[in-house]
Each structure stands twice: as structure tokens, then as C-alpha cells.
Amino acid sequence: MTVPVRFPRFFVTSPAPCPYLPGRSERKVFTELKGPAADPLNDALGRIGFRRSQTVAYRPSCIDCSACVSVRVVAQEFAASATQKRNLRRNSDLVAHICEPWSTAEQYALLQRYLGARHPGGGMTTMDETDFADMVEHTPVTSYVIEYREPGDGQTLGRLVGACLTDRQGDGLSMIYSFYDPEHETRTGLGNYIILDHIRRAAEDELEYVYLGYWVDGSARMQYKVRYRPLEKLGRDGWQRMSAEEQDALVTVVASQKRGSVLLPDGGGKDGVMGVCRPAD
């Protein structure tokens, strides 16, 4: 006797101001992840552009706008640029710890410093420790927190300088939320290093992709994602590789924005975490 398949119920949020493009509104479609089928459902939805936030999987469903585009790095074919190679060498002494999805006061303090410097006035700046614990610990799927620390003294752990809440999916790693020390005295590029380390981990585990969330054309703080090659984007005809010419043009725009002192996240832009949204009964 076969077990009947339970199809998920989907819901749509009311329109709200877009956090990426001024003057536009956003709307999301979402469903609940729960029970023994949560992992395969999350895998399937991830392949069609959904993101996870706690027990909810969501994706943009905006009226008259399709600027948010899901992107993923092809981990097995990734080729680091000269800048990325320097980043890897510069931060090669960091020690990564794979931890159960359990929040700590040390992580929360780092998150507060990160948000205050990189996303002042953003919606997440009001998070207290309980909200942070909910974000990390309320997961029905295979998740962990990767902590990035400076070398310890052999008896105590080194200083925490970065962390990422990560889902392991059937075909790759999905970076749910990363944060890092934005004002470290000597280290730069920590956000980019966290992404590079995830690409390395995926390749070593023979996983195909690292999911970076949404790239938003026209939003300066989301442009860092075009620096990783090869990059695939999800469109009406499925996943398609971004051409080298297109990426070259986009990277040139990113460089010009940085020269113009536009504040760009160091690999840490976010995809509108839906931490408080729940399906109706």
C-alpha cells in the first residue's frame, strides 16, 4: 500500500514596500515546511527558486516586476578570480566549525555588530536574542551553522569573526543567512570568504551548487553575487548559465559603484528573511 502524497498549500502575502527597489512593492508566495517530507520538499522548492526562513519556504510573486532572480554558483566548475585567490590566502588561517543549529550569545553579538554597520535601519536591527534563536533553531530540514574563528590558543576557541546558517540540500548548499565582523582591525573580505568557503565545501562533497538567493538587477547591495563564476540564474525556461560577457559587464558596474562610494555589502546582502510569517490554519 502506498502512502498518499500530501501536496503543500501555498499562500500569498499582502503587498509591502520593496526593500531593494525604491517605489516598488513586493509580494511573496509561501508554504510551510514540516514533517518527514520537509527535506525533499525544501529540495524541490529550492530548485524552482524558493528560499527557506525558519519553517517557511517562500519566493517573490510580485505584480509587474521580476527583478528578483534566483542565482546559484556551479561549485564543481568554479574558477576563483585573482582577487578571490588573494582573499582565500589572506583568510586561510581561519578555523571553521560546523555546529548544530543552536544560537549562542556570541553569535548574536556578532550579528548585532554586523547589522549596525551594514544594514542600519533595516528590519532585522530590531531582532532580540529570542528572534535570533528562532531564526537559527526553528528548522525542519538538514541545517547547521558554520562558525569562522581566528586560531585559538589550544585551550580556548579563537575569536568569532563570521558565521553562516546553511541548509544542505540534495544538490547543493543553500546559504540562508551569513554575517561577519564588518569592522575587523586587520581582515577584509570576510563575507566573500564565507561564500568562497561554501563553494569549496560543496565541491569537496560532490554537490553541484551553492545557492546564493536572489540577485536583484538595479539594487546595488545585491550585485556582489555576480562575482562568482560560473553563475546560473533561474528564468522562465529554467536554470541558464549567465554568459561571460554578461557577467563581465555586471562586474564592471559593481566596480564603478564601489569607486563612487556606493555602500555595497561584502558578500552579505540579504534576501528578505520571512521570520515571522506563518500559513493560516
C-alpha atoms as a PDB file:
ATOM      1  CA  MET A   1       0.000   0.000   0.000  1.00  0.00           C
ATOM      2  CA  THR A   2       1.401   3.387  -0.959  1.00  0.00           C
ATOM      3  CA  VAL A   3       1.378   6.384   1.344  1.00  0.00           C
ATOM      4  CA  PRO A   4      -0.765   9.209  -0.069  1.00  0.00           C
ATOM      5  CA  VAL A   5       1.192  12.265  -1.159  1.00  0.00           C
ATOM      6  CA  ARG A   6       0.393  15.460   0.696  1.00  0.00           C
ATOM      7  CA  PHE A   7       0.711  18.439  -1.617  1.00  0.00           C
ATOM      8  CA  PRO A   8       1.680  21.681   0.103  1.00  0.00           C
ATOM      9  CA  ARG A   9      -0.757  24.556   0.434  1.00  0.00           C
ATOM     10  CA  PHE A  10       0.554  27.872  -0.853  1.00  0.00           C
ATOM     11  CA  PHE A  11      -0.335  31.340   0.383  1.00  0.00           C
ATOM     12  CA  VAL A  12       0.395  34.876  -0.823  1.00  0.00           C
ATOM     13  CA  THR A  13       1.370  37.824   1.337  1.00  0.00           C
ATOM     14  CA  SER A  14      -0.179  41.270   1.009  1.00  0.00           C
ATOM     15  CA  PRO A  15       1.892  43.807  -0.978  1.00  0.00           C
ATOM     16  CA  ALA A  16       4.513  45.670   1.044  1.00  0.00           C
ATOM     17  CA  PRO A  17       7.239  48.221   0.178  1.00  0.00           C
ATOM     18  CA  CYS A  18      10.108  46.594  -1.703  1.00  0.00           C
ATOM     19  CA  PRO A  19      13.322  46.560   0.369  1.00  0.00           C
ATOM     20  CA  TYR A  20      15.510  46.602  -2.758  1.00  0.00           C
ATOM     21  CA  LEU A  21      13.982  48.943  -5.340  1.00  0.00           C
ATOM     22  CA  PRO A  22      12.517  52.283  -4.182  1.00  0.00           C
ATOM     23  CA  GLY A  23       8.962  52.993  -5.239  1.00  0.00           C
ATOM     24  CA  ARG A  24       8.053  49.362  -5.862  1.00  0.00           C
ATOM     25  CA  SER A  25       6.113  46.865  -3.794  1.00  0.00           C
ATOM     26  CA  GLU A  26       6.823  43.219  -3.106  1.00  0.00           C
ATOM     27  CA  ARG A  27       4.653  40.173  -2.636  1.00  0.00           C
ATOM     28  CA  LYS A  28       5.658  36.629  -1.691  1.00  0.00           C
ATOM     29  CA  VAL A  29       4.164  33.194  -2.189  1.00  0.00           C
ATOM     30  CA  PHE A  30       4.982  30.771   0.615  1.00  0.00           C
ATOM     31  CA  THR A  31       4.258  27.379   2.113  1.00  0.00           C
ATOM     32  CA  GLU A  32       5.030  25.587   5.351  1.00  0.00           C
ATOM     33  CA  LEU A  33       7.812  23.036   5.730  1.00  0.00           C
ATOM     34  CA  LYS A  34       7.051  20.367   8.284  1.00  0.00           C
ATOM     35  CA  GLY A  35       7.027  16.655   8.927  1.00  0.00           C
ATOM     36  CA  PRO A  36       9.130  13.857   7.439  1.00  0.00           C
ATOM     37  CA  ALA A  37       8.802  15.270   3.921  1.00  0.00           C
ATOM     38  CA  ALA A  38      10.298  18.667   4.835  1.00  0.00           C
ATOM     39  CA  ASP A  39      13.759  17.921   3.409  1.00  0.00           C
ATOM     40  CA  PRO A  40      12.646  16.645  -0.011  1.00  0.00           C
ATOM     41  CA  LEU A  41      10.054  19.425  -0.268  1.00  0.00           C
ATOM     42  CA  ASN A  42      12.682  22.032   0.555  1.00  0.00           C
ATOM     43  CA  ASP A  43      14.984  20.488  -2.074  1.00  0.00           C
ATOM     44  CA  ALA A  44      12.269  20.560  -4.724  1.00  0.00           C
ATOM     45  CA  LEU A  45      11.240  24.121  -3.942  1.00  0.00           C
ATOM     46  CA  GLY A  46      14.864  25.275  -3.846  1.00  0.00           C
ATOM     47  CA  ARG A  47      15.292  24.095  -7.434  1.00  0.00           C
ATOM     48  CA  ILE A  48      12.455  26.403  -8.542  1.00  0.00           C
ATOM     49  CA  GLY A  49      13.642  29.486  -6.734  1.00  0.00           C
ATOM     50  CA  PHE A  50      12.246  29.223  -3.213  1.00  0.00           C
ATOM     51  CA  ARG A  51      14.209  30.252  -0.131  1.00  0.00           C
ATOM     52  CA  ARG A  52      13.776  28.997   3.425  1.00  0.00           C
ATOM     53  CA  SER A  53      13.149  31.112   6.512  1.00  0.00           C
ATOM     54  CA  GLN A  54      12.545  29.037   9.647  1.00  0.00           C
ATOM     55  CA  THR A  55       9.631  26.702   8.794  1.00  0.00           C
ATOM     56  CA  VAL A  56       8.559  28.643   5.701  1.00  0.00           C
ATOM     57  CA  ALA A  57       9.679  28.348   2.065  1.00  0.00           C
ATOM     58  CA  TYR A  58       8.985  31.475   0.007  1.00  0.00           C
ATOM     59  CA  ARG A  59       9.719  33.175  -3.274  1.00  0.00           C
ATOM     60  CA  PRO A  60       8.831  36.561  -4.803  1.00  0.00           C
ATOM     61  CA  SER A  61       5.468  36.782  -6.533  1.00  0.00           C
ATOM     62  CA  CYS A  62       5.399  40.455  -7.386  1.00  0.00           C
ATOM     63  CA  ILE A  63       2.898  42.108  -9.696  1.00  0.00           C
ATOM     64  CA  ASP A  64       4.516  43.677 -12.786  1.00  0.00           C
ATOM     65  CA  CYS A  65       8.064  43.076 -11.533  1.00  0.00           C
ATOM     66  CA  SER A  66      10.518  40.209 -11.965  1.00  0.00           C
ATOM     67  CA  ALA A  67      13.722  41.885 -10.808  1.00  0.00           C
ATOM     68  CA  CYS A  68      14.480  39.248  -8.149  1.00  0.00           C
ATOM     69  CA  VAL A  69      16.284  36.367  -9.861  1.00  0.00           C
ATOM     70  CA  SER A  70      17.463  33.193  -8.129  1.00  0.00           C
ATOM     71  CA  VAL A  71      21.162  32.524  -8.696  1.00  0.00           C
ATOM     72  CA  ARG A  72      23.500  29.664  -7.872  1.00  0.00           C
ATOM     73  CA  VAL A  73      27.219  29.006  -8.335  1.00  0.00           C
ATOM     74  CA  VAL A  74      28.270  25.864 -10.203  1.00  0.00           C
ATOM     75  CA  ALA A  75      30.608  24.610  -7.498  1.00  0.00           C
ATOM     76  CA  GLN A  76      32.339  21.856  -9.480  1.00  0.00           C
ATOM     77  CA  GLU A  77      33.391  24.312 -12.190  1.00  0.00           C
ATOM     78  CA  PHE A  78      34.120  27.348 -10.038  1.00  0.00           C
ATOM     79  CA  ALA A  79      37.199  29.301 -11.030  1.00  0.00           C
ATOM     80  CA  ALA A  80      38.418  31.845  -8.487  1.00  0.00           C
ATOM     81  CA  SER A  81      39.490  35.244  -9.767  1.00  0.00           C
ATOM     82  CA  ALA A  82      42.812  36.749  -8.769  1.00  0.00           C
ATOM     83  CA  THR A  83      41.056  38.837  -6.102  1.00  0.00           C
ATOM     84  CA  GLN A  84      39.258  35.789  -4.736  1.00  0.00           C
ATOM     85  CA  LYS A  85      42.513  33.809  -4.607  1.00  0.00           C
ATOM     86  CA  ARG A  86      44.085  36.603  -2.553  1.00  0.00           C
ATOM     87  CA  ASN A  87      41.082  36.548  -0.238  1.00  0.00           C
ATOM     88  CA  LEU A  88      41.440  32.799   0.283  1.00  0.00           C
ATOM     89  CA  ARG A  89      45.144  33.142   1.085  1.00  0.00           C
ATOM     90  CA  ARG A  90      44.573  36.101   3.396  1.00  0.00           C
ATOM     91  CA  ASN A  91      41.969  34.277   5.469  1.00  0.00           C
ATOM     92  CA  SER A  92      43.374  30.757   5.197  1.00  0.00           C
ATOM     93  CA  ASP A  93      44.190  30.683   8.904  1.00  0.00           C
ATOM     94  CA  LEU A  94      40.514  30.884   9.910  1.00  0.00           C
ATOM     95  CA  VAL A  95      39.173  27.763  11.590  1.00  0.00           C
ATOM     96  CA  ALA A  96      35.680  26.645  10.544  1.00  0.00           C
ATOM     97  CA  HIS A  97      33.450  24.779  12.975  1.00  0.00           C
ATOM     98  CA  ILE A  98      30.270  23.035  11.785  1.00  0.00           C
ATOM     99  CA  CYS A  99      27.768  23.441  14.624  1.00  0.00           C
ATOM    100  CA  GLU A 100      24.265  22.224  15.271  1.00  0.00           C
ATOM    101  CA  PRO A 101      21.648  24.922  14.531  1.00  0.00           C
ATOM    102  CA  TRP A 102      21.705  26.310  18.051  1.00  0.00           C
ATOM    103  CA  SER A 103      22.109  30.038  18.686  1.00  0.00           C
ATOM    104  CA  THR A 104      24.668  31.488  21.072  1.00  0.00           C
ATOM    105  CA  ALA A 105      25.144  34.861  22.737  1.00  0.00           C
ATOM    106  CA  GLU A 106      28.451  35.199  20.889  1.00  0.00           C
ATOM    107  CA  GLN A 107      26.753  34.749  17.521  1.00  0.00           C
ATOM    108  CA  TYR A 108      24.037  37.245  18.435  1.00  0.00           C
ATOM    109  CA  ALA A 109      26.590  39.875  19.482  1.00  0.00           C
ATOM    110  CA  LEU A 110      28.395  39.442  16.151  1.00  0.00           C
ATOM    111  CA  LEU A 111      25.096  39.733  14.271  1.00  0.00           C
ATOM    112  CA  GLN A 112      24.284  43.000  16.059  1.00  0.00           C
ATOM    113  CA  ARG A 113      27.639  44.498  15.095  1.00  0.00           C
ATOM    114  CA  TYR A 114      27.143  43.349  11.510  1.00  0.00           C
ATOM    115  CA  LEU A 115      23.622  44.761  11.187  1.00  0.00           C
ATOM    116  CA  GLY A 116      24.583  48.045  12.797  1.00  0.00           C
ATOM    117  CA  ALA A 117      27.398  48.597  10.301  1.00  0.00           C
ATOM    118  CA  ARG A 118      25.999  47.028   7.130  1.00  0.00           C
ATOM    119  CA  HIS A 119      22.224  47.355   7.392  1.00  0.00           C
ATOM    120  CA  PRO A 120      21.464  50.260   9.741  1.00  0.00           C
ATOM    121  CA  GLY A 121      17.754  50.934   9.950  1.00  0.00           C
ATOM    122  CA  GLY A 122      16.903  47.578   8.358  1.00  0.00           C
ATOM    123  CA  GLY A 123      14.084  45.421   9.648  1.00  0.00           C
ATOM    124  CA  MET A 124      16.410  42.916  11.298  1.00  0.00           C
ATOM    125  CA  THR A 125      18.100  45.506  13.515  1.00  0.00           C
ATOM    126  CA  THR A 126      15.203  45.170  15.968  1.00  0.00           C
ATOM    127  CA  MET A 127      15.823  41.443  16.472  1.00  0.00           C
ATOM    128  CA  ASP A 128      16.374  40.417  20.068  1.00  0.00           C
ATOM    129  CA  GLU A 129      18.068  37.206  21.191  1.00  0.00           C
ATOM    130  CA  THR A 130      14.787  35.284  21.077  1.00  0.00           C
ATOM    131  CA  ASP A 131      14.164  36.365  17.481  1.00  0.00           C
ATOM    132  CA  PHE A 132      17.692  35.308  16.556  1.00  0.00           C
ATOM    133  CA  ALA A 133      17.229  31.934  18.250  1.00  0.00           C
ATOM    134  CA  ASP A 134      14.004  31.430  16.287  1.00  0.00           C
ATOM    135  CA  MET A 135      15.799  32.196  13.020  1.00  0.00           C
ATOM    136  CA  VAL A 136      18.565  29.678  13.708  1.00  0.00           C
ATOM    137  CA  GLU A 137      16.833  26.914  15.632  1.00  0.00           C
ATOM    138  CA  HIS A 138      13.402  26.653  14.021  1.00  0.00           C
ATOM    139  CA  THR A 139      14.409  24.450  11.105  1.00  0.00           C
ATOM    140  CA  PRO A 140      12.587  21.334   9.906  1.00  0.00           C
ATOM    141  CA  VAL A 141      15.353  20.485   7.395  1.00  0.00           C
ATOM    142  CA  THR A 142      19.021  19.498   7.471  1.00  0.00           C
ATOM    143  CA  SER A 143      20.758  22.676   8.631  1.00  0.00           C
ATOM    144  CA  TYR A 144      23.836  23.767  10.530  1.00  0.00           C
ATOM    145  CA  VAL A 145      25.746  26.887  11.480  1.00  0.00           C
ATOM    146  CA  ILE A 146      29.300  27.214  10.204  1.00  0.00           C
ATOM    147  CA  GLU A 147      31.350  29.405  12.531  1.00  0.00           C
ATOM    148  CA  TYR A 148      34.552  31.051  11.324  1.00  0.00           C
ATOM    149  CA  ARG A 149      37.083  31.724  14.066  1.00  0.00           C
ATOM    150  CA  GLU A 150      40.600  33.007  14.347  1.00  0.00           C
ATOM    151  CA  PRO A 151      43.106  30.467  15.679  1.00  0.00           C
ATOM    152  CA  GLY A 152      42.783  29.706  19.378  1.00  0.00           C
ATOM    153  CA  ASP A 153      45.492  29.096  21.934  1.00  0.00           C
ATOM    154  CA  GLY A 154      44.967  25.341  22.087  1.00  0.00           C
ATOM    155  CA  GLN A 155      42.717  25.552  25.130  1.00  0.00           C
ATOM    156  CA  THR A 156      40.045  28.061  24.157  1.00  0.00           C
ATOM    157  CA  LEU A 157      38.344  28.812  20.870  1.00  0.00           C
ATOM    158  CA  GLY A 158      39.543  31.783  18.877  1.00  0.00           C
ATOM    159  CA  ARG A 159      37.596  34.943  18.194  1.00  0.00           C
ATOM    160  CA  LEU A 160      34.371  34.505  16.208  1.00  0.00           C
ATOM    161  CA  VAL A 161      34.585  36.650  13.060  1.00  0.00           C
ATOM    162  CA  GLY A 162      31.884  35.133  10.840  1.00  0.00           C
ATOM    163  CA  ALA A 163      29.001  32.674  10.715  1.00  0.00           C
ATOM    164  CA  CYS A 164      26.511  31.281   8.244  1.00  0.00           C
ATOM    165  CA  LEU A 165      23.232  29.429   8.686  1.00  0.00           C
ATOM    166  CA  THR A 166      23.329  26.836   5.916  1.00  0.00           C
ATOM    167  CA  ASP A 167      20.920  24.226   4.558  1.00  0.00           C
ATOM    168  CA  ARG A 168      22.314  21.089   2.973  1.00  0.00           C
ATOM    169  CA  GLN A 169      20.096  20.226   0.030  1.00  0.00           C
ATOM    170  CA  GLY A 170      20.193  17.239  -2.276  1.00  0.00           C
ATOM    171  CA  ASP A 171      22.102  19.113  -4.977  1.00  0.00           C
ATOM    172  CA  GLY A 172      23.978  21.760  -3.039  1.00  0.00           C
ATOM    173  CA  LEU A 173      24.381  24.129  -0.132  1.00  0.00           C
ATOM    174  CA  SER A 174      21.904  26.953   0.395  1.00  0.00           C
ATOM    175  CA  MET A 175      23.301  29.942   2.262  1.00  0.00           C
ATOM    176  CA  ILE A 176      20.337  31.063   4.330  1.00  0.00           C
ATOM    177  CA  TYR A 177      21.961  33.907   6.262  1.00  0.00           C
ATOM    178  CA  SER A 178      25.578  34.949   6.747  1.00  0.00           C
ATOM    179  CA  PHE A 179      27.101  37.663   8.913  1.00  0.00           C
ATOM    180  CA  TYR A 180      30.583  38.662   9.967  1.00  0.00           C
ATOM    181  CA  ASP A 181      32.704  41.257  11.746  1.00  0.00           C
ATOM    182  CA  PRO A 182      32.314  44.320   9.494  1.00  0.00           C
ATOM    183  CA  GLU A 183      34.949  46.408  11.242  1.00  0.00           C
ATOM    184  CA  HIS A 184      37.737  43.926  11.881  1.00  0.00           C
ATOM    185  CA  GLU A 185      41.045  45.648  12.547  1.00  0.00           C
ATOM    186  CA  THR A 186      43.056  43.661  10.001  1.00  0.00           C
ATOM    187  CA  ARG A 187      40.763  41.401   7.977  1.00  0.00           C
ATOM    188  CA  THR A 188      38.800  42.389   4.878  1.00  0.00           C
ATOM    189  CA  GLY A 189      36.604  40.357   2.566  1.00  0.00           C
ATOM    190  CA  LEU A 190      35.130  38.152   5.292  1.00  0.00           C
ATOM    191  CA  GLY A 191      31.718  37.975   3.648  1.00  0.00           C
ATOM    192  CA  ASN A 192      33.243  36.949   0.344  1.00  0.00           C
ATOM    193  CA  TYR A 193      35.446  34.417   2.126  1.00  0.00           C
ATOM    194  CA  ILE A 194      32.375  32.736   3.644  1.00  0.00           C
ATOM    195  CA  ILE A 195      30.900  32.305   0.152  1.00  0.00           C
ATOM    196  CA  LEU A 196      34.190  31.004  -1.234  1.00  0.00           C
ATOM    197  CA  ASP A 197      34.447  28.508   1.607  1.00  0.00           C
ATOM    198  CA  HIS A 198      30.918  27.248   0.894  1.00  0.00           C
ATOM    199  CA  ILE A 199      31.829  26.756  -2.766  1.00  0.00           C
ATOM    200  CA  ARG A 200      34.890  24.756  -1.712  1.00  0.00           C
ATOM    201  CA  ARG A 201      32.849  22.635   0.689  1.00  0.00           C
ATOM    202  CA  ALA A 202      30.204  21.896  -1.927  1.00  0.00           C
ATOM    203  CA  ALA A 203      32.844  20.846  -4.463  1.00  0.00           C
ATOM    204  CA  GLU A 204      34.577  18.579  -1.933  1.00  0.00           C
ATOM    205  CA  ASP A 205      31.256  16.948  -1.010  1.00  0.00           C
ATOM    206  CA  GLU A 206      30.492  16.425  -4.720  1.00  0.00           C
ATOM    207  CA  LEU A 207      27.499  18.744  -4.558  1.00  0.00           C
ATOM    208  CA  GLU A 208      26.681  20.669  -7.691  1.00  0.00           C
ATOM    209  CA  TYR A 209      25.681  24.125  -6.478  1.00  0.00           C
ATOM    210  CA  VAL A 210      25.845  26.847  -3.875  1.00  0.00           C
ATOM    211  CA  TYR A 211      22.568  28.750  -3.767  1.00  0.00           C
ATOM    212  CA  LEU A 212      23.095  32.474  -3.123  1.00  0.00           C
ATOM    213  CA  GLY A 213      19.459  33.554  -3.012  1.00  0.00           C
ATOM    214  CA  TYR A 214      18.209  36.426  -5.162  1.00  0.00           C
ATOM    215  CA  TRP A 215      20.162  38.729  -7.402  1.00  0.00           C
ATOM    216  CA  VAL A 216      18.263  41.990  -7.941  1.00  0.00           C
ATOM    217  CA  ASP A 217      19.238  43.953 -11.025  1.00  0.00           C
ATOM    218  CA  GLY A 218      19.215  47.607 -10.026  1.00  0.00           C
ATOM    219  CA  SER A 219      19.890  47.012  -6.321  1.00  0.00           C
ATOM    220  CA  ALA A 220      23.487  47.945  -5.522  1.00  0.00           C
ATOM    221  CA  ARG A 221      23.657  45.867  -2.360  1.00  0.00           C
ATOM    222  CA  MET A 222      22.834  42.644  -4.228  1.00  0.00           C
ATOM    223  CA  GLN A 223      25.407  42.972  -7.016  1.00  0.00           C
ATOM    224  CA  TYR A 224      28.235  41.170  -5.208  1.00  0.00           C
ATOM    225  CA  LYS A 225      26.711  37.852  -6.303  1.00  0.00           C
ATOM    226  CA  VAL A 226      27.786  38.341  -9.925  1.00  0.00           C
ATOM    227  CA  ARG A 227      31.462  37.976  -8.922  1.00  0.00           C
ATOM    228  CA  TYR A 228      31.271  34.167  -8.727  1.00  0.00           C
ATOM    229  CA  ARG A 229      31.723  32.131 -11.915  1.00  0.00           C
ATOM    230  CA  PRO A 230      30.131  30.210 -13.428  1.00  0.00           C
ATOM    231  CA  LEU A 231      26.774  31.536 -12.244  1.00  0.00           C
ATOM    232  CA  GLU A 232      23.353  30.226 -13.190  1.00  0.00           C
ATOM    233  CA  LYS A 233      20.126  32.201 -12.999  1.00  0.00           C
ATOM    234  CA  LEU A 234      16.568  30.936 -12.945  1.00  0.00           C
ATOM    235  CA  GLY A 235      14.222  32.173 -15.665  1.00  0.00           C
ATOM    236  CA  ARG A 236      11.031  31.131 -17.403  1.00  0.00           C
ATOM    237  CA  ASP A 237      12.923  28.390 -19.256  1.00  0.00           C
ATOM    238  CA  GLY A 238      14.641  27.034 -16.160  1.00  0.00           C
ATOM    239  CA  TRP A 239      18.220  27.467 -14.980  1.00  0.00           C
ATOM    240  CA  GLN A 240      20.542  29.021 -17.531  1.00  0.00           C
ATOM    241  CA  ARG A 241      24.211  29.896 -17.262  1.00  0.00           C
ATOM    242  CA  MET A 242      24.999  33.594 -17.274  1.00  0.00           C
ATOM    243  CA  SER A 243      27.310  34.327 -20.172  1.00  0.00           C
ATOM    244  CA  ALA A 244      30.843  35.517 -19.545  1.00  0.00           C
ATOM    245  CA  GLU A 245      30.038  38.735 -21.408  1.00  0.00           C
ATOM    246  CA  GLU A 246      27.022  39.452 -19.207  1.00  0.00           C
ATOM    247  CA  GLN A 247      28.979  38.791 -16.026  1.00  0.00           C
ATOM    248  CA  ASP A 248      31.882  40.926 -17.240  1.00  0.00           C
ATOM    249  CA  ALA A 249      29.506  43.841 -17.819  1.00  0.00           C
ATOM    250  CA  LEU A 250      27.866  43.423 -14.418  1.00  0.00           C
ATOM    251  CA  VAL A 251      31.201  43.154 -12.603  1.00  0.00           C
ATOM    252  CA  THR A 252      32.298  46.380 -14.312  1.00  0.00           C
ATOM    253  CA  VAL A 253      29.188  48.093 -12.959  1.00  0.00           C
ATOM    254  CA  VAL A 254      29.947  46.788  -9.454  1.00  0.00           C
ATOM    255  CA  ALA A 255      33.492  48.160  -9.677  1.00  0.00           C
ATOM    256  CA  SER A 256      32.266  51.581 -10.794  1.00  0.00           C
ATOM    257  CA  GLN A 257      29.744  51.689  -7.951  1.00  0.00           C
ATOM    258  CA  LYS A 258      32.480  50.940  -5.420  1.00  0.00           C
ATOM    259  CA  ARG A 259      34.650  53.705  -6.863  1.00  0.00           C
ATOM    260  CA  GLY A 260      31.661  56.016  -6.499  1.00  0.00           C
ATOM    261  CA  SER A 261      31.462  55.147  -2.779  1.00  0.00           C
ATOM    262  CA  VAL A 262      28.151  53.328  -3.060  1.00  0.00           C
ATOM    263  CA  LEU A 263      27.886  51.127   0.026  1.00  0.00           C
ATOM    264  CA  LEU A 264      27.993  47.534  -1.108  1.00  0.00           C
ATOM    265  CA  PRO A 265      27.832  44.563   1.249  1.00  0.00           C
ATOM    266  CA  ASP A 266      30.960  42.465   1.483  1.00  0.00           C
ATOM    267  CA  GLY A 267      29.204  39.295   0.469  1.00  0.00           C
ATOM    268  CA  GLY A 268      26.449  39.842   2.987  1.00  0.00           C
ATOM    269  CA  GLY A 269      23.357  41.224   1.272  1.00  0.00           C
ATOM    270  CA  LYS A 270      20.140  39.524   2.292  1.00  0.00           C
ATOM    271  CA  ASP A 271      17.002  38.169   0.711  1.00  0.00           C
ATOM    272  CA  GLY A 272      14.242  39.497   2.920  1.00  0.00           C
ATOM    273  CA  VAL A 273      14.069  36.892   5.691  1.00  0.00           C
ATOM    274  CA  MET A 274      10.476  35.913   6.420  1.00  0.00           C
ATOM    275  CA  GLY A 275      10.994  35.104  10.066  1.00  0.00           C
ATOM    276  CA  VAL A 276       7.511  35.895  11.349  1.00  0.00           C
ATOM    277  CA  CYS A 277       5.307  34.655   8.524  1.00  0.00           C
ATOM    278  CA  ARG A 278       3.130  31.599   9.108  1.00  0.00           C
ATOM    279  CA  PRO A 279       0.489  29.931   6.949  1.00  0.00           C
ATOM    280  CA  ALA A 280      -3.046  30.311   8.160  1.00  0.00           C
ATOM    281  CA  ASP A 281      -4.775  27.299   9.702  1.00  0.00           C
END
